[in-house]
Amino acid sequence: MLHAAILVLLLAFALAGADGASAADWAVKSLPRTDGPGVRCVLESGRLSIPDGYQKTTVYITVAPKSVAITSVSPLDGGFSDIGLEVDGEELVKLDKLGGDKTALFDSKYDRLVARFKAGTSVRAQLRFWPTWPATGTHSAEFTLIGFTKAFGELAACR
């Protein structure tokens, strides 16, 4: 009986890792500043691999003081205004603008998104890729929010 319970737990962990980022994937990172000396701290989700309509791409979420962003290896298509974040099935929060061709920014919705991230269990990133190619529709990546609140507290302490 004990072996069966352990097997079920191991299977559950394996399946969770296959479908989304795990709690350990929310990590505070110190990055070199681009506007002067020192470092800037950001909170990053784990990286997920999803189809972009033509190939696989990697996506992740970054939370910095007063900024939430989704970054992709493939170019994003902001022309349809359907790129956004959806926490636990609530209303899709649409991007403010693209920052370059591979990053969707949600700066004006920062407080609302961080509050939802802290209260939620998962966030779905809805993305659209390849603005200069035939449209392939939206593609989604589901990230866990388990561990986000603790990691966000660590972000506040990062210098």
Protein backbone atom coordinates (compact mmCIF):
# COMPACT_ATOMS: atom_id res chain seq x y z
CA MET A 1 0.00 0.00 0.00
CA LEU A 2 2.82 2.42 0.88
CA HIS A 3 4.58 1.66 -2.41
CA ALA A 4 1.40 2.42 -4.36
CA ALA A 5 1.03 5.79 -2.59
CA ILE A 6 4.65 6.69 -3.37
CA LEU A 7 4.15 5.66 -6.99
CA VAL A 8 1.04 7.87 -7.26
CA LEU A 9 2.94 10.85 -5.80
CA LEU A 10 5.86 10.35 -8.16
CA LEU A 11 3.51 10.12 -11.12
CA ALA A 12 1.70 13.30 -10.02
CA PHE A 13 5.00 15.20 -9.77
CA ALA A 14 6.11 13.95 -13.17
CA LEU A 15 2.85 14.99 -14.82
CA ALA A 16 2.88 18.42 -13.14
CA GLY A 17 6.36 19.04 -14.47
CA ALA A 18 5.29 18.11 -18.00
CA ASP A 19 2.38 20.53 -18.18
CA GLY A 20 3.57 23.68 -16.43
CA ALA A 21 6.18 25.42 -14.40
CA SER A 22 6.71 24.13 -10.89
CA ALA A 23 6.83 26.18 -7.69
CA ALA A 24 10.62 26.15 -7.78
CA ASP A 25 10.50 27.79 -11.21
CA TRP A 26 9.58 31.21 -9.76
CA ALA A 27 12.99 32.59 -8.97
CA VAL A 28 14.48 35.99 -8.21
CA LYS A 29 17.36 36.87 -10.51
CA SER A 30 19.89 39.70 -10.30
CA LEU A 31 20.65 41.02 -13.77
CA PRO A 32 23.19 43.66 -14.81
CA ARG A 33 21.59 47.09 -15.23
CA THR A 34 21.43 48.42 -18.77
CA ASP A 35 21.09 52.04 -17.59
CA GLY A 36 24.13 52.27 -15.33
CA PRO A 37 26.19 50.37 -12.77
CA GLY A 38 24.75 47.78 -10.40
CA VAL A 39 22.09 45.13 -10.77
CA ARG A 40 18.33 45.05 -11.18
CA CYS A 41 16.24 42.31 -9.64
CA VAL A 42 13.45 40.48 -11.43
CA LEU A 43 11.21 37.53 -10.68
CA GLU A 44 11.03 34.97 -13.48
CA SER A 45 8.80 31.99 -14.07
CA GLY A 46 10.20 28.79 -15.44
CA ARG A 47 10.52 28.54 -19.19
CA LEU A 48 7.88 26.56 -21.08
CA SER A 49 8.03 25.16 -24.58
CA ILE A 50 4.90 25.67 -26.70
CA PRO A 51 4.07 25.53 -30.41
CA ASP A 52 4.03 28.91 -32.17
CA GLY A 53 2.22 27.72 -35.30
CA TYR A 54 5.39 26.86 -37.18
CA GLN A 55 7.79 25.39 -34.61
CA LYS A 56 8.34 25.13 -30.86
CA THR A 57 9.22 28.28 -28.94
CA THR A 58 10.12 29.07 -25.36
CA VAL A 59 8.11 31.53 -23.24
CA TYR A 60 8.39 32.88 -19.70
CA ILE A 61 6.92 35.59 -17.47
CA THR A 62 9.03 38.30 -15.81
CA VAL A 63 7.88 40.45 -12.89
CA ALA A 64 10.00 43.46 -11.98
CA PRO A 65 9.12 46.43 -9.79
CA LYS A 66 6.17 48.02 -11.66
CA SER A 67 6.45 45.76 -14.72
CA VAL A 68 5.00 42.42 -15.85
CA ALA A 69 6.14 40.95 -19.17
CA ILE A 70 5.86 37.79 -21.25
CA THR A 71 8.92 37.02 -23.34
CA SER A 72 9.15 34.58 -26.23
CA VAL A 73 11.91 33.32 -28.48
CA SER A 74 9.54 33.75 -31.47
CA PRO A 75 8.28 37.18 -32.61
CA LEU A 76 4.90 38.16 -31.16
CA ASP A 77 2.04 39.49 -33.28
CA GLY A 78 0.32 42.36 -31.45
CA GLY A 79 -1.90 43.23 -34.41
CA PHE A 80 -4.95 41.27 -33.21
CA SER A 81 -5.04 42.61 -29.61
CA ASP A 82 -5.55 39.12 -28.16
CA ILE A 83 -2.25 38.67 -26.33
CA GLY A 84 -2.85 38.57 -22.60
CA LEU A 85 -2.74 36.89 -19.21
CA GLU A 86 -5.64 35.03 -17.60
CA VAL A 87 -5.46 34.02 -13.94
CA ASP A 88 -7.66 31.10 -12.85
CA GLY A 89 -10.13 31.59 -15.71
CA GLU A 90 -10.84 35.25 -14.89
CA GLU A 91 -11.06 37.91 -17.59
CA LEU A 92 -8.09 38.10 -19.98
CA VAL A 93 -5.83 41.04 -19.12
CA LYS A 94 -4.59 42.35 -22.48
CA LEU A 95 -1.09 43.63 -23.11
CA ASP A 96 -0.33 47.36 -23.08
CA LYS A 97 2.19 47.16 -25.90
CA LEU A 98 5.01 45.14 -27.34
CA GLY A 99 8.51 45.89 -26.07
CA GLY A 100 10.52 44.94 -29.12
CA ASP A 101 9.15 42.06 -31.16
CA LYS A 102 9.44 39.30 -28.54
CA THR A 103 8.11 40.84 -25.31
CA ALA A 104 4.54 41.74 -24.31
CA LEU A 105 4.35 44.42 -21.59
CA PHE A 106 1.61 44.84 -18.97
CA ASP A 107 2.98 47.83 -17.04
CA SER A 108 -0.29 49.75 -16.58
CA LYS A 109 -1.92 46.60 -15.20
CA TYR A 110 0.93 45.77 -12.81
CA ASP A 111 -0.96 46.13 -9.50
CA ARG A 112 -3.99 44.17 -10.74
CA LEU A 113 -1.86 41.35 -12.18
CA VAL A 114 0.39 41.01 -9.12
CA ALA A 115 -2.69 40.86 -6.85
CA ARG A 116 -4.21 38.16 -9.08
CA PHE A 117 -0.91 36.25 -9.21
CA LYS A 118 -0.72 36.24 -5.39
CA ALA A 119 -4.32 35.03 -5.03
CA GLY A 120 -4.32 32.59 -7.95
CA THR A 121 -3.13 29.08 -8.63
CA SER A 122 -2.32 29.32 -12.34
CA VAL A 123 -1.91 31.87 -15.10
CA ARG A 124 -2.48 31.21 -18.78
CA ALA A 125 -0.44 33.29 -21.20
CA GLN A 126 -2.33 33.68 -24.49
CA LEU A 127 0.05 34.56 -27.29
CA ARG A 128 0.00 35.11 -31.04
CA PHE A 129 3.16 34.78 -33.13
CA TRP A 130 4.71 35.67 -36.49
CA PRO A 131 3.22 39.02 -37.54
CA THR A 132 4.66 38.83 -41.07
CA TRP A 133 3.57 35.23 -41.79
CA PRO A 134 0.07 33.80 -42.31
CA ALA A 135 -1.82 33.91 -38.99
CA THR A 136 -1.79 30.68 -36.98
CA GLY A 137 -4.18 31.77 -34.22
CA THR A 138 -3.45 32.05 -30.52
CA HIS A 139 -1.30 29.66 -28.55
CA SER A 140 -1.26 29.26 -24.76
CA ALA A 141 1.19 28.41 -22.01
CA GLU A 142 -0.01 27.60 -18.50
CA PHE A 143 2.21 28.59 -15.57
CA THR A 144 1.67 27.62 -11.95
CA LEU A 145 1.41 30.43 -9.41
CA ILE A 146 2.25 28.13 -6.51
CA GLY A 147 5.30 29.71 -4.89
CA PHE A 148 4.78 33.09 -6.54
CA THR A 149 3.89 35.00 -3.34
CA LYS A 150 6.97 33.75 -1.50
CA ALA A 151 9.25 34.54 -4.45
CA PHE A 152 7.63 37.98 -4.83
CA GLY A 153 8.54 38.70 -1.19
CA GLU A 154 12.13 37.76 -2.01
CA LEU A 155 12.03 40.18 -4.96
CA ALA A 156 11.23 43.05 -2.58
CA ALA A 157 14.31 42.16 -0.51
CA CYS A 158 16.65 41.90 -3.54
CA ARG A 159 19.11 44.75 -4.02
